[in-house]
Amino acid sequence: VSVSLVNNSSSNRVAVDDLSWTCYSGSSARQAQS
């Protein structure tokens, strides 16, 4: 995956910090984990 945050304003100046995401392993791994 490639993750993007796109500002919907052309003039607002917005600071971004502490960006994180969790993994997603899909249905196959869920079966293994079940």
PDB file of all heavy atoms in Angstrom:
ATOM      1  N   VAL A   1       0.846  -1.200   0.000  1.00  0.00           N
ATOM      2  CA  VAL A   1       0.000   0.000   0.000  1.00  0.00           C
ATOM      3  C   VAL A   1       0.876   1.243   0.000  1.00  0.00           C
ATOM      4  O   VAL A   1       1.960   1.272   0.568  1.00  0.00           O
ATOM      5  CB  VAL A   1      -0.949   0.047   1.229  1.00  0.00           C
ATOM      6  CG1 VAL A   1      -1.972  -1.068   1.164  1.00  0.00           C
ATOM      7  CG2 VAL A   1      -0.169   0.002   2.532  1.00  0.00           C
ATOM      8  N   SER A   2       0.379   2.282  -0.668  1.00  0.00           N
ATOM      9  CA  SER A   2       0.933   3.630  -0.596  1.00  0.00           C
ATOM     10  C   SER A   2      -0.170   4.534  -0.070  1.00  0.00           C
ATOM     11  O   SER A   2      -1.289   4.536  -0.596  1.00  0.00           O
ATOM     12  CB  SER A   2       1.401   4.109  -1.969  1.00  0.00           C
ATOM     13  OG  SER A   2       1.814   5.474  -1.911  1.00  0.00           O
ATOM     14  N   VAL A   3       0.131   5.285   0.992  1.00  0.00           N
ATOM     15  CA  VAL A   3      -0.879   6.103   1.671  1.00  0.00           C
ATOM     16  C   VAL A   3      -0.605   7.580   1.406  1.00  0.00           C
ATOM     17  O   VAL A   3       0.541   8.028   1.518  1.00  0.00           O
ATOM     18  CB  VAL A   3      -0.866   5.825   3.187  1.00  0.00           C
ATOM     19  CG1 VAL A   3      -1.862   6.712   3.908  1.00  0.00           C
ATOM     20  CG2 VAL A   3      -1.172   4.351   3.453  1.00  0.00           C
ATOM     21  N   SER A   4      -1.654   8.319   1.054  1.00  0.00           N
ATOM     22  CA  SER A   4      -1.523   9.757   0.779  1.00  0.00           C
ATOM     23  C   SER A   4      -2.532  10.550   1.588  1.00  0.00           C
ATOM     24  O   SER A   4      -3.679  10.121   1.779  1.00  0.00           O
ATOM     25  CB  SER A   4      -1.751  10.059  -0.714  1.00  0.00           C
ATOM     26  OG  SER A   4      -0.784   9.448  -1.516  1.00  0.00           O
ATOM     27  N   LEU A   5      -2.098  11.723   2.062  1.00  0.00           N
ATOM     28  CA  LEU A   5      -2.986  12.731   2.643  1.00  0.00           C
ATOM     29  C   LEU A   5      -2.930  13.941   1.733  1.00  0.00           C
ATOM     30  O   LEU A   5      -1.863  14.530   1.537  1.00  0.00           O
ATOM     31  CB  LEU A   5      -2.539  13.114   4.056  1.00  0.00           C
ATOM     32  CG  LEU A   5      -3.089  12.285   5.239  1.00  0.00           C
ATOM     33  CD1 LEU A   5      -2.603  10.845   5.147  1.00  0.00           C
ATOM     34  CD2 LEU A   5      -2.650  12.897   6.557  1.00  0.00           C
ATOM     35  N   VAL A   6      -4.067  14.323   1.171  1.00  0.00           N
ATOM     36  CA  VAL A   6      -4.126  15.398   0.180  1.00  0.00           C
ATOM     37  C   VAL A   6      -4.937  16.550   0.741  1.00  0.00           C
ATOM     38  O   VAL A   6      -6.107  16.379   1.109  1.00  0.00           O
ATOM     39  CB  VAL A   6      -4.759  14.905  -1.140  1.00  0.00           C
ATOM     40  CG1 VAL A   6      -4.756  16.021  -2.178  1.00  0.00           C
ATOM     41  CG2 VAL A   6      -4.023  13.670  -1.658  1.00  0.00           C
ATOM     42  N   ASN A   7      -4.339  17.735   0.824  1.00  0.00           N
ATOM     43  CA  ASN A   7      -5.029  18.903   1.356  1.00  0.00           C
ATOM     44  C   ASN A   7      -6.092  19.373   0.370  1.00  0.00           C
ATOM     45  O   ASN A   7      -5.805  19.634  -0.805  1.00  0.00           O
ATOM     46  CB  ASN A   7      -4.024  20.028   1.620  1.00  0.00           C
ATOM     47  CG  ASN A   7      -4.603  21.117   2.525  1.00  0.00           C
ATOM     48  OD1 ASN A   7      -5.786  21.100   2.860  1.00  0.00           O
ATOM     49  ND2 ASN A   7      -3.760  22.048   2.931  1.00  0.00           N
ATOM     50  N   ASN A   8      -7.345  19.487   0.839  1.00  0.00           N
ATOM     51  CA  ASN A   8      -8.433  19.941  -0.022  1.00  0.00           C
ATOM     52  C   ASN A   8      -8.457  21.452  -0.207  1.00  0.00           C
ATOM     53  O   ASN A   8      -9.273  21.969  -0.961  1.00  0.00           O
ATOM     54  CB  ASN A   8      -9.787  19.475   0.540  1.00  0.00           C
ATOM     55  CG  ASN A   8     -10.050  18.014   0.231  1.00  0.00           C
ATOM     56  OD1 ASN A   8      -9.793  17.551  -0.876  1.00  0.00           O
ATOM     57  ND2 ASN A   8     -10.545  17.271   1.208  1.00  0.00           N
ATOM     58  N   SER A   9      -7.579  22.154   0.509  1.00  0.00           N
ATOM     59  CA  SER A   9      -7.460  23.602   0.353  1.00  0.00           C
ATOM     60  C   SER A   9      -6.146  23.915  -0.352  1.00  0.00           C
ATOM     61  O   SER A   9      -5.151  23.203  -0.195  1.00  0.00           O
ATOM     62  CB  SER A   9      -7.490  24.293   1.720  1.00  0.00           C
ATOM     63  OG  SER A   9      -7.074  25.637   1.624  1.00  0.00           O
ATOM     64  N   SER A  10      -6.128  24.995  -1.126  1.00  0.00           N
ATOM     65  CA  SER A  10      -4.893  25.411  -1.789  1.00  0.00           C
ATOM     66  C   SER A  10      -4.130  26.445  -0.987  1.00  0.00           C
ATOM     67  O   SER A  10      -3.017  26.822  -1.353  1.00  0.00           O
ATOM     68  CB  SER A  10      -5.214  25.982  -3.184  1.00  0.00           C
ATOM     69  OG  SER A  10      -6.051  27.130  -3.066  1.00  0.00           O
ATOM     70  N   SER A  11      -4.704  26.880   0.152  1.00  0.00           N
ATOM     71  CA  SER A  11      -4.060  27.950   0.913  1.00  0.00           C
ATOM     72  C   SER A  11      -3.886  27.645   2.398  1.00  0.00           C
ATOM     73  O   SER A  11      -3.004  28.206   3.049  1.00  0.00           O
ATOM     74  CB  SER A  11      -4.858  29.259   0.765  1.00  0.00           C
ATOM     75  OG  SER A  11      -6.197  29.083   1.218  1.00  0.00           O
ATOM     76  N   ASN A  12      -4.721  26.765   2.972  1.00  0.00           N
ATOM     77  CA  ASN A  12      -4.565  26.417   4.381  1.00  0.00           C
ATOM     78  C   ASN A  12      -3.233  25.704   4.599  1.00  0.00           C
ATOM     79  O   ASN A  12      -2.883  24.788   3.862  1.00  0.00           O
ATOM     80  CB  ASN A  12      -5.703  25.501   4.842  1.00  0.00           C
ATOM     81  CG  ASN A  12      -7.004  26.240   5.015  1.00  0.00           C
ATOM     82  OD1 ASN A  12      -7.022  27.460   5.137  1.00  0.00           O
ATOM     83  ND2 ASN A  12      -8.113  25.511   5.016  1.00  0.00           N
ATOM     84  N   ARG A  13      -2.521  26.121   5.629  1.00  0.00           N
ATOM     85  CA  ARG A  13      -1.243  25.498   5.961  1.00  0.00           C
ATOM     86  C   ARG A  13      -1.446  24.615   7.178  1.00  0.00           C
ATOM     87  O   ARG A  13      -1.725  25.112   8.278  1.00  0.00           O
ATOM     88  CB  ARG A  13      -0.204  26.594   6.197  1.00  0.00           C
ATOM     89  CG  ARG A  13       0.133  27.353   4.908  1.00  0.00           C
ATOM     90  CD  ARG A  13       0.565  28.774   5.166  1.00  0.00           C
ATOM     91  NE  ARG A  13      -0.549  29.591   5.639  1.00  0.00           N
ATOM     92  CZ  ARG A  13      -0.456  30.904   5.884  1.00  0.00           C
ATOM     93  NH1 ARG A  13       0.704  31.509   5.718  1.00  0.00           N
ATOM     94  NH2 ARG A  13      -1.508  31.575   6.307  1.00  0.00           N
ATOM     95  N   VAL A  14      -1.308  23.317   6.984  1.00  0.00           N
ATOM     96  CA  VAL A  14      -1.714  22.339   7.993  1.00  0.00           C
ATOM     97  C   VAL A  14      -0.535  21.462   8.370  1.00  0.00           C
ATOM     98  O   VAL A  14       0.095  20.829   7.522  1.00  0.00           O
ATOM     99  CB  VAL A  14      -2.871  21.456   7.480  1.00  0.00           C
ATOM    100  CG1 VAL A  14      -3.356  20.532   8.584  1.00  0.00           C
ATOM    101  CG2 VAL A  14      -4.009  22.318   6.941  1.00  0.00           C
ATOM    102  N   ALA A  15      -0.235  21.441   9.673  1.00  0.00           N
ATOM    103  CA  ALA A  15       0.838  20.587  10.185  1.00  0.00           C
ATOM    104  C   ALA A  15       0.297  19.182  10.419  1.00  0.00           C
ATOM    105  O   ALA A  15      -0.814  19.002  10.937  1.00  0.00           O
ATOM    106  CB  ALA A  15       1.405  21.165  11.472  1.00  0.00           C
ATOM    107  N   VAL A  16       1.102  18.187  10.066  1.00  0.00           N
ATOM    108  CA  VAL A  16       0.745  16.776  10.220  1.00  0.00           C
ATOM    109  C   VAL A  16       1.790  16.119  11.109  1.00  0.00           C
ATOM    110  O   VAL A  16       2.996  16.289  10.897  1.00  0.00           O
ATOM    111  CB  VAL A  16       0.690  16.066   8.858  1.00  0.00           C
ATOM    112  CG1 VAL A  16       0.391  14.573   9.031  1.00  0.00           C
ATOM    113  CG2 VAL A  16      -0.343  16.723   7.947  1.00  0.00           C
ATOM    114  N   ASP A  17       1.333  15.356  12.113  1.00  0.00           N
ATOM    115  CA  ASP A  17       2.261  14.695  13.036  1.00  0.00           C
ATOM    116  C   ASP A  17       1.694  13.343  13.452  1.00  0.00           C
ATOM    117  O   ASP A  17       0.490  13.077  13.313  1.00  0.00           O
ATOM    118  CB  ASP A  17       2.477  15.583  14.263  1.00  0.00           C
ATOM    119  CG  ASP A  17       3.780  15.255  15.000  1.00  0.00           C
ATOM    120  OD1 ASP A  17       4.464  14.310  14.592  1.00  0.00           O
ATOM    121  OD2 ASP A  17       4.091  15.958  15.972  1.00  0.00           O
ATOM    122  N   ASP A  18       2.580  12.488  13.970  1.00  0.00           N
ATOM    123  CA  ASP A  18       2.199  11.199  14.562  1.00  0.00           C
ATOM    124  C   ASP A  18       1.241  10.410  13.669  1.00  0.00           C
ATOM    125  O   ASP A  18       0.134  10.053  14.058  1.00  0.00           O
ATOM    126  CB  ASP A  18       1.570  11.417  15.945  1.00  0.00           C
ATOM    127  CG  ASP A  18       2.560  11.991  16.938  1.00  0.00           C
ATOM    128  OD1 ASP A  18       3.766  11.750  16.765  1.00  0.00           O
ATOM    129  OD2 ASP A  18       2.132  12.695  17.876  1.00  0.00           O
ATOM    130  N   LEU A  19       1.704  10.137  12.458  1.00  0.00           N
ATOM    131  CA  LEU A  19       0.932   9.360  11.492  1.00  0.00           C
ATOM    132  C   LEU A  19       1.302   7.889  11.618  1.00  0.00           C
ATOM    133  O   LEU A  19       2.475   7.516  11.543  1.00  0.00           O
ATOM    134  CB  LEU A  19       1.234   9.855  10.074  1.00  0.00           C
ATOM    135  CG  LEU A  19       0.686   9.027   8.899  1.00  0.00           C
ATOM    136  CD1 LEU A  19      -0.835   8.978   8.941  1.00  0.00           C
ATOM    137  CD2 LEU A  19       1.170   9.598   7.580  1.00  0.00           C
ATOM    138  N   SER A  20       0.300   7.042  11.828  1.00  0.00           N
ATOM    139  CA  SER A  20       0.566   5.606  11.948  1.00  0.00           C
ATOM    140  C   SER A  20      -0.594   4.826  11.354  1.00  0.00           C
ATOM    141  O   SER A  20      -1.709   5.331  11.235  1.00  0.00           O
ATOM    142  CB  SER A  20       0.755   5.217  13.420  1.00  0.00           C
ATOM    143  OG  SER A  20      -0.430   5.444  14.161  1.00  0.00           O
ATOM    144  N   TRP A  21      -0.300   3.600  10.950  1.00  0.00           N
ATOM    145  CA  TRP A  21      -1.388   2.695  10.575  1.00  0.00           C
ATOM    146  C   TRP A  21      -1.047   1.275  10.972  1.00  0.00           C
ATOM    147  O   TRP A  21       0.110   0.914  11.111  1.00  0.00           O
ATOM    148  CB  TRP A  21      -1.720   2.796   9.089  1.00  0.00           C
ATOM    149  CG  TRP A  21      -0.695   2.335   8.097  1.00  0.00           C
ATOM    150  CD1 TRP A  21      -0.403   1.070   7.720  1.00  0.00           C
ATOM    151  CD2 TRP A  21       0.171   3.185   7.305  1.00  0.00           C
ATOM    152  NE1 TRP A  21       0.579   1.053   6.763  1.00  0.00           N
ATOM    153  CE2 TRP A  21       0.946   2.335   6.476  1.00  0.00           C
ATOM    154  CE3 TRP A  21       0.356   4.563   7.217  1.00  0.00           C
ATOM    155  CZ2 TRP A  21       1.892   2.832   5.586  1.00  0.00           C
ATOM    156  CZ3 TRP A  21       1.296   5.052   6.331  1.00  0.00           C
ATOM    157  CH2 TRP A  21       2.055   4.198   5.527  1.00  0.00           C
ATOM    158  N   THR A  22      -2.099   0.496  11.186  1.00  0.00           N
ATOM    159  CA  THR A  22      -1.935  -0.910  11.553  1.00  0.00           C
ATOM    160  C   THR A  22      -1.913  -1.767  10.298  1.00  0.00           C
ATOM    161  O   THR A  22      -2.411  -1.375   9.244  1.00  0.00           O
ATOM    162  CB  THR A  22      -3.080  -1.380  12.463  1.00  0.00           C
ATOM    163  OG1 THR A  22      -4.327  -1.216  11.774  1.00  0.00           O
ATOM    164  CG2 THR A  22      -3.115  -0.589  13.764  1.00  0.00           C
ATOM    165  N   CYS A  23      -1.321  -2.939  10.419  1.00  0.00           N
ATOM    166  CA  CYS A  23      -1.291  -3.877   9.304  1.00  0.00           C
ATOM    167  C   CYS A  23      -2.687  -4.457   9.071  1.00  0.00           C
ATOM    168  O   CYS A  23      -3.533  -4.469   9.963  1.00  0.00           O
ATOM    169  CB  CYS A  23      -0.330  -5.025   9.599  1.00  0.00           C
ATOM    170  SG  CYS A  23       1.365  -4.540   9.960  1.00  0.00           S
ATOM    171  N   TYR A  24      -2.908  -4.937   7.868  1.00  0.00           N
ATOM    172  CA  TYR A  24      -4.117  -5.711   7.582  1.00  0.00           C
ATOM    173  C   TYR A  24      -3.693  -6.934   6.812  1.00  0.00           C
ATOM    174  O   TYR A  24      -3.084  -6.840   5.742  1.00  0.00           O
ATOM    175  CB  TYR A  24      -5.127  -4.911   6.770  1.00  0.00           C
ATOM    176  CG  TYR A  24      -6.376  -5.713   6.449  1.00  0.00           C
ATOM    177  CD1 TYR A  24      -7.303  -5.985   7.446  1.00  0.00           C
ATOM    178  CD2 TYR A  24      -6.609  -6.220   5.178  1.00  0.00           C
ATOM    179  CE1 TYR A  24      -8.441  -6.734   7.186  1.00  0.00           C
ATOM    180  CE2 TYR A  24      -7.744  -6.964   4.899  1.00  0.00           C
ATOM    181  CZ  TYR A  24      -8.656  -7.216   5.902  1.00  0.00           C
ATOM    182  OH  TYR A  24      -9.771  -7.964   5.654  1.00  0.00           O
ATOM    183  N   SER A  25      -3.995  -8.103   7.371  1.00  0.00           N
ATOM    184  CA  SER A  25      -3.434  -9.327   6.808  1.00  0.00           C
ATOM    185  C   SER A  25      -4.385 -10.076   5.895  1.00  0.00           C
ATOM    186  O   SER A  25      -4.015 -11.060   5.285  1.00  0.00           O
ATOM    187  CB  SER A  25      -2.977 -10.251   7.940  1.00  0.00           C
ATOM    188  OG  SER A  25      -3.991 -10.379   8.903  1.00  0.00           O
ATOM    189  N   GLY A  26      -5.628  -9.637   5.773  1.00  0.00           N
ATOM    190  CA  GLY A  26      -6.539 -10.267   4.841  1.00  0.00           C
ATOM    191  C   GLY A  26      -7.157 -11.547   5.351  1.00  0.00           C
ATOM    192  O   GLY A  26      -6.812 -12.068   6.393  1.00  0.00           O
ATOM    193  N   SER A  27      -8.082 -12.092   4.565  1.00  0.00           N
ATOM    194  CA  SER A  27      -8.866 -13.238   5.016  1.00  0.00           C
ATOM    195  C   SER A  27      -8.036 -14.494   5.178  1.00  0.00           C
ATOM    196  O   SER A  27      -8.305 -15.313   6.044  1.00  0.00           O
ATOM    197  CB  SER A  27     -10.006 -13.502   4.020  1.00  0.00           C
ATOM    198  OG  SER A  27      -9.476 -13.757   2.722  1.00  0.00           O
ATOM    199  N   SER A  28      -6.983 -14.691   4.360  1.00  0.00           N
ATOM    200  CA  SER A  28      -6.186 -15.910   4.463  1.00  0.00           C
ATOM    201  C   SER A  28      -5.511 -16.016   5.811  1.00  0.00           C
ATOM    202  O   SER A  28      -5.526 -17.051   6.459  1.00  0.00           O
ATOM    203  CB  SER A  28      -5.140 -15.944   3.347  1.00  0.00           C
ATOM    204  OG  SER A  28      -5.760 -16.009   2.087  1.00  0.00           O
ATOM    205  N   ALA A  29      -4.884 -14.908   6.222  1.00  0.00           N
ATOM    206  CA  ALA A  29      -4.213 -14.936   7.509  1.00  0.00           C
ATOM    207  C   ALA A  29      -5.209 -15.000   8.654  1.00  0.00           C
ATOM    208  O   ALA A  29      -4.916 -15.553   9.695  1.00  0.00           O
ATOM    209  CB  ALA A  29      -3.328 -13.717   7.667  1.00  0.00           C
ATOM    210  N   ARG A  30      -6.393 -14.418   8.452  1.00  0.00           N
ATOM    211  CA  ARG A  30      -7.410 -14.517   9.504  1.00  0.00           C
ATOM    212  C   ARG A  30      -7.765 -15.972   9.763  1.00  0.00           C
ATOM    213  O   ARG A  30      -8.019 -16.386  10.881  1.00  0.00           O
ATOM    214  CB  ARG A  30      -8.661 -13.726   9.128  1.00  0.00           C
ATOM    215  CG  ARG A  30      -8.526 -12.228   9.357  1.00  0.00           C
ATOM    216  CD  ARG A  30      -9.870 -11.576   9.558  1.00  0.00           C
ATOM    217  NE  ARG A  30     -10.796 -11.852   8.486  1.00  0.00           N
ATOM    218  CZ  ARG A  30     -10.855 -11.146   7.355  1.00  0.00           C
ATOM    219  NH1 ARG A  30     -10.007 -10.177   7.141  1.00  0.00           N
ATOM    220  NH2 ARG A  30     -11.739 -11.439   6.437  1.00  0.00           N
ATOM    221  N   GLN A  31      -7.800 -16.775   8.689  1.00  0.00           N
ATOM    222  CA  GLN A  31      -8.087 -18.184   8.883  1.00  0.00           C
ATOM    223  C   GLN A  31      -6.987 -18.849   9.694  1.00  0.00           C
ATOM    224  O   GLN A  31      -7.242 -19.677  10.558  1.00  0.00           O
ATOM    225  CB  GLN A  31      -8.225 -18.861   7.515  1.00  0.00           C
ATOM    226  CG  GLN A  31      -9.451 -18.394   6.751  1.00  0.00           C
ATOM    227  CD  GLN A  31      -9.463 -18.920   5.326  1.00  0.00           C
ATOM    228  OE1 GLN A  31      -8.576 -19.645   4.914  1.00  0.00           O
ATOM    229  NE2 GLN A  31     -10.487 -18.528   4.576  1.00  0.00           N
ATOM    230  N   ALA A  32      -5.741 -18.440   9.412  1.00  0.00           N
ATOM    231  CA  ALA A  32      -4.636 -18.999  10.180  1.00  0.00           C
ATOM    232  C   ALA A  32      -4.692 -18.549  11.622  1.00  0.00           C
ATOM    233  O   ALA A  32      -4.329 -19.294  12.531  1.00  0.00           O
ATOM    234  CB  ALA A  32      -3.300 -18.576   9.560  1.00  0.00           C
ATOM    235  N   GLN A  33      -5.168 -17.302  11.843  1.00  0.00           N
ATOM    236  CA  GLN A  33      -5.215 -16.762  13.193  1.00  0.00           C
ATOM    237  C   GLN A  33      -6.449 -17.219  13.960  1.00  0.00           C
ATOM    238  O   GLN A  33      -6.484 -17.171  15.187  1.00  0.00           O
ATOM    239  CB  GLN A  33      -5.221 -15.230  13.147  1.00  0.00           C
ATOM    240  CG  GLN A  33      -3.945 -14.655  12.564  1.00  0.00           C
ATOM    241  CD  GLN A  33      -4.155 -13.268  12.026  1.00  0.00           C
ATOM    242  OE1 GLN A  33      -5.207 -12.666  12.224  1.00  0.00           O
ATOM    243  NE2 GLN A  33      -3.163 -12.751  11.338  1.00  0.00           N
ATOM    244  N   SER A  34      -7.481 -17.665  13.243  1.00  0.00           N
ATOM    245  CA  SER A  34      -8.732 -17.956  13.917  1.00  0.00           C
ATOM    246  C   SER A  34      -8.583 -19.049  14.956  1.00  0.00           C
ATOM    247  O   SER A  34      -9.267 -19.052  15.973  1.00  0.00           O
ATOM    248  CB  SER A  34      -9.807 -18.358  12.889  1.00  0.00           C
ATOM    249  OG  SER A  34      -9.430 -19.563  12.239  1.00  0.00           O
TER     250      SER A  34
END
